[in-house]
Amino acid sequence: MTAAAACAPHVPWSRSDALEIIARICDQPGALMPILTELVRRFGYIDPEIVPEIAESLNLSRAEVHGVISFYHDFRTTPPGRHILRVCRAESCQAVGGRALEEHARERLGVDWHQTTDDGRFTLEPVFCLGNCACSPALMVDETLYGRVTPERFDEITAATEVEP
């Protein structure tokens, strides 16, 4: 899934729409990943209530479906914030202040990894390479990549991020 798909505007969860997605895709070879991707693209997350239907339609166990959902970081089971903040945790970023940036981001937002701020504005996600090693440490806000991000610059970037989508 691309960052663009992960941060696109989402529609409210609808069981009937989710069932339509499953029915439309379930006969394709290797349908699990396309179903999960489409659910996240449409709703921003995969409501756990739909896991039994996914499993049944693909003749898989609920545990198998849950295992795939929990393995991939773009598959979430709770609604994301309006903006996804991805902080790079790769070695290049760690070598030039990435740990301080991580700590600052979690403290400033009052959340840990994979959590959303109380106001629903930001979801904080760790990633293990944003491909911006020459400009480490790196941060991605929705589709926008930033380099050489200090804690102070993090504050500037998040303050400038619009409150409404």
Protein backbone atom coordinates (compact mmCIF):
# COMPACT_ATOMS: atom_id res chain seq x y z
CA MET A 1 0.00 0.00 0.00
CA THR A 2 1.31 3.42 -0.81
CA ALA A 3 1.49 6.33 1.59
CA ALA A 4 -1.08 8.05 -0.61
CA ALA A 5 -3.54 5.22 -0.14
CA ALA A 6 -2.90 5.16 3.58
CA CYS A 7 -3.67 8.85 4.06
CA ALA A 8 -6.45 9.39 1.53
CA PRO A 9 -9.77 10.69 2.87
CA HIS A 10 -11.79 7.79 4.21
CA VAL A 11 -15.47 7.08 4.46
CA PRO A 12 -17.11 5.95 7.71
CA TRP A 13 -17.03 2.22 8.39
CA SER A 14 -19.89 0.34 6.73
CA ARG A 15 -20.36 -3.37 7.19
CA SER A 16 -22.38 -3.62 3.99
CA ASP A 17 -19.70 -1.79 1.98
CA ALA A 18 -17.03 -4.03 3.51
CA LEU A 19 -19.01 -7.14 2.55
CA GLU A 20 -19.31 -5.79 -1.00
CA ILE A 21 -15.53 -5.38 -1.18
CA ILE A 22 -15.01 -8.93 0.05
CA ALA A 23 -17.54 -10.34 -2.44
CA ARG A 24 -16.01 -8.41 -5.33
CA ILE A 25 -12.43 -9.57 -4.64
CA CYS A 26 -12.69 -12.98 -2.92
CA ASP A 27 -12.54 -15.07 -6.10
CA GLN A 28 -9.23 -13.57 -7.23
CA PRO A 29 -6.08 -15.63 -6.65
CA GLY A 30 -4.35 -14.47 -3.46
CA ALA A 31 -7.36 -12.34 -2.52
CA LEU A 32 -6.51 -11.70 1.14
CA MET A 33 -4.02 -8.88 0.59
CA PRO A 34 -6.18 -7.11 -2.03
CA ILE A 35 -9.23 -7.32 0.27
CA LEU A 36 -7.33 -5.93 3.25
CA THR A 37 -5.72 -3.22 1.13
CA GLU A 38 -9.06 -2.15 -0.31
CA LEU A 39 -10.67 -2.02 3.15
CA VAL A 40 -7.87 0.24 4.41
CA ARG A 41 -7.99 2.36 1.26
CA ARG A 42 -11.73 2.92 1.69
CA PHE A 43 -12.16 3.12 5.47
CA GLY A 44 -8.66 3.79 6.79
CA TYR A 45 -8.72 0.62 8.87
CA ILE A 46 -10.05 -2.94 9.07
CA ASP A 47 -12.82 -3.27 11.63
CA PRO A 48 -12.23 -6.52 13.57
CA GLU A 49 -15.92 -7.37 13.17
CA ILE A 50 -15.32 -8.17 9.48
CA VAL A 51 -12.48 -10.67 10.07
CA PRO A 52 -14.83 -13.70 10.33
CA GLU A 53 -16.42 -12.85 6.98
CA ILE A 54 -13.04 -12.42 5.32
CA ALA A 55 -11.88 -15.75 6.75
CA GLU A 56 -15.03 -17.58 5.67
CA SER A 57 -15.00 -16.14 2.15
CA LEU A 58 -11.39 -17.26 1.63
CA ASN A 59 -11.62 -20.56 3.52
CA LEU A 60 -9.03 -19.36 6.03
CA SER A 61 -9.04 -19.35 9.81
CA ARG A 62 -9.67 -16.12 11.68
CA ALA A 63 -6.17 -16.51 13.13
CA GLU A 64 -4.65 -16.56 9.63
CA VAL A 65 -6.45 -13.36 8.67
CA HIS A 66 -5.57 -11.70 11.98
CA GLY A 67 -1.94 -12.78 11.53
CA VAL A 68 -1.69 -10.98 8.20
CA ILE A 69 -3.43 -7.87 9.56
CA SER A 70 -1.12 -7.68 12.56
CA PHE A 71 2.04 -8.38 10.51
CA TYR A 72 1.78 -5.44 8.10
CA HIS A 73 2.05 -1.95 9.59
CA ASP A 74 -0.34 -0.39 7.06
CA PHE A 75 -3.16 -2.68 8.18
CA ARG A 76 -4.70 -1.18 11.28
CA THR A 77 -7.77 -2.20 13.27
CA THR A 78 -8.65 1.26 14.58
CA PRO A 79 -9.39 4.45 12.66
CA PRO A 80 -6.26 6.52 11.92
CA GLY A 81 -5.81 10.19 12.66
CA ARG A 82 -6.39 12.78 9.96
CA HIS A 83 -2.62 12.88 9.37
CA ILE A 84 -0.15 9.99 9.51
CA LEU A 85 3.30 10.89 10.87
CA ARG A 86 5.95 8.34 9.93
CA VAL A 87 9.27 8.67 11.74
CA CYS A 88 12.19 6.81 10.19
CA ARG A 89 13.97 4.46 12.58
CA ALA A 90 16.63 3.12 10.20
CA GLU A 91 20.33 3.19 11.05
CA SER A 92 21.13 6.32 9.05
CA CYS A 93 18.48 8.32 10.86
CA GLN A 94 19.46 6.85 14.23
CA ALA A 95 23.08 7.90 13.66
CA VAL A 96 22.20 11.61 13.37
CA GLY A 97 19.54 12.25 15.99
CA GLY A 98 16.70 9.91 15.11
CA ARG A 99 16.26 8.63 18.65
CA ALA A 100 15.90 12.16 20.00
CA LEU A 101 13.33 12.86 17.28
CA GLU A 102 11.40 9.68 18.14
CA GLU A 103 11.32 10.55 21.84
CA HIS A 104 10.32 14.13 21.14
CA ALA A 105 7.51 13.10 18.77
CA ARG A 106 6.03 10.63 21.27
CA GLU A 107 6.31 13.12 24.13
CA ARG A 108 5.00 16.13 22.16
CA LEU A 109 2.02 14.21 20.78
CA GLY A 110 1.34 12.31 24.00
CA VAL A 111 1.12 8.98 22.18
CA ASP A 112 3.26 5.94 21.50
CA TRP A 113 3.82 4.16 18.21
CA HIS A 114 0.64 3.15 16.35
CA GLN A 115 -1.51 5.45 18.50
CA THR A 116 -3.62 8.45 17.59
CA THR A 117 -3.74 11.74 19.46
CA ASP A 118 -6.84 12.39 21.55
CA ASP A 119 -8.00 15.06 19.11
CA GLY A 120 -7.75 12.59 16.19
CA ARG A 121 -5.29 14.84 14.38
CA PHE A 122 -2.19 12.61 14.19
CA THR A 123 -1.34 8.92 14.17
CA LEU A 124 2.33 8.18 14.91
CA GLU A 125 3.96 5.33 13.00
CA PRO A 126 7.53 4.01 13.00
CA VAL A 127 9.04 3.07 9.65
CA PHE A 128 12.37 1.48 8.98
CA CYS A 129 13.40 3.46 5.93
CA LEU A 130 11.92 6.40 4.08
CA GLY A 131 14.71 6.39 1.50
CA ASN A 132 15.94 9.82 2.54
CA CYS A 133 19.18 8.70 4.15
CA ALA A 134 21.26 11.59 2.79
CA CYS A 135 19.00 13.97 4.70
CA SER A 136 18.53 12.05 7.95
CA PRO A 137 16.65 12.03 10.22
CA ALA A 138 13.53 11.77 8.09
CA LEU A 139 9.82 12.30 8.73
CA MET A 140 6.86 11.78 6.44
CA VAL A 141 3.58 13.59 7.03
CA ASP A 142 0.92 11.99 4.86
CA GLU A 143 2.59 12.16 1.42
CA THR A 144 5.20 14.83 2.22
CA LEU A 145 8.75 13.77 3.05
CA TYR A 146 10.96 15.96 5.27
CA GLY A 147 14.68 15.63 5.90
CA ARG A 148 17.06 16.81 8.59
CA VAL A 149 14.21 16.95 11.07
CA THR A 150 15.18 18.14 14.52
CA PRO A 151 12.77 18.18 17.44
CA GLU A 152 12.29 21.91 16.84
CA ARG A 153 11.57 21.36 13.15
CA PHE A 154 9.13 18.58 14.09
CA ASP A 155 7.19 21.13 16.13
CA GLU A 156 7.17 23.57 13.21
CA ILE A 157 6.02 20.90 10.76
CA THR A 158 3.22 19.61 12.95
CA ALA A 159 2.07 23.14 13.83
CA ALA A 160 1.88 23.97 10.12
CA THR A 161 -0.08 20.79 9.30
CA GLU A 162 -3.67 21.76 8.78
CA VAL A 163 -6.07 20.68 11.48
CA GLU A 164 -8.76 19.72 8.97
CA PRO A 165 -8.09 17.28 6.12
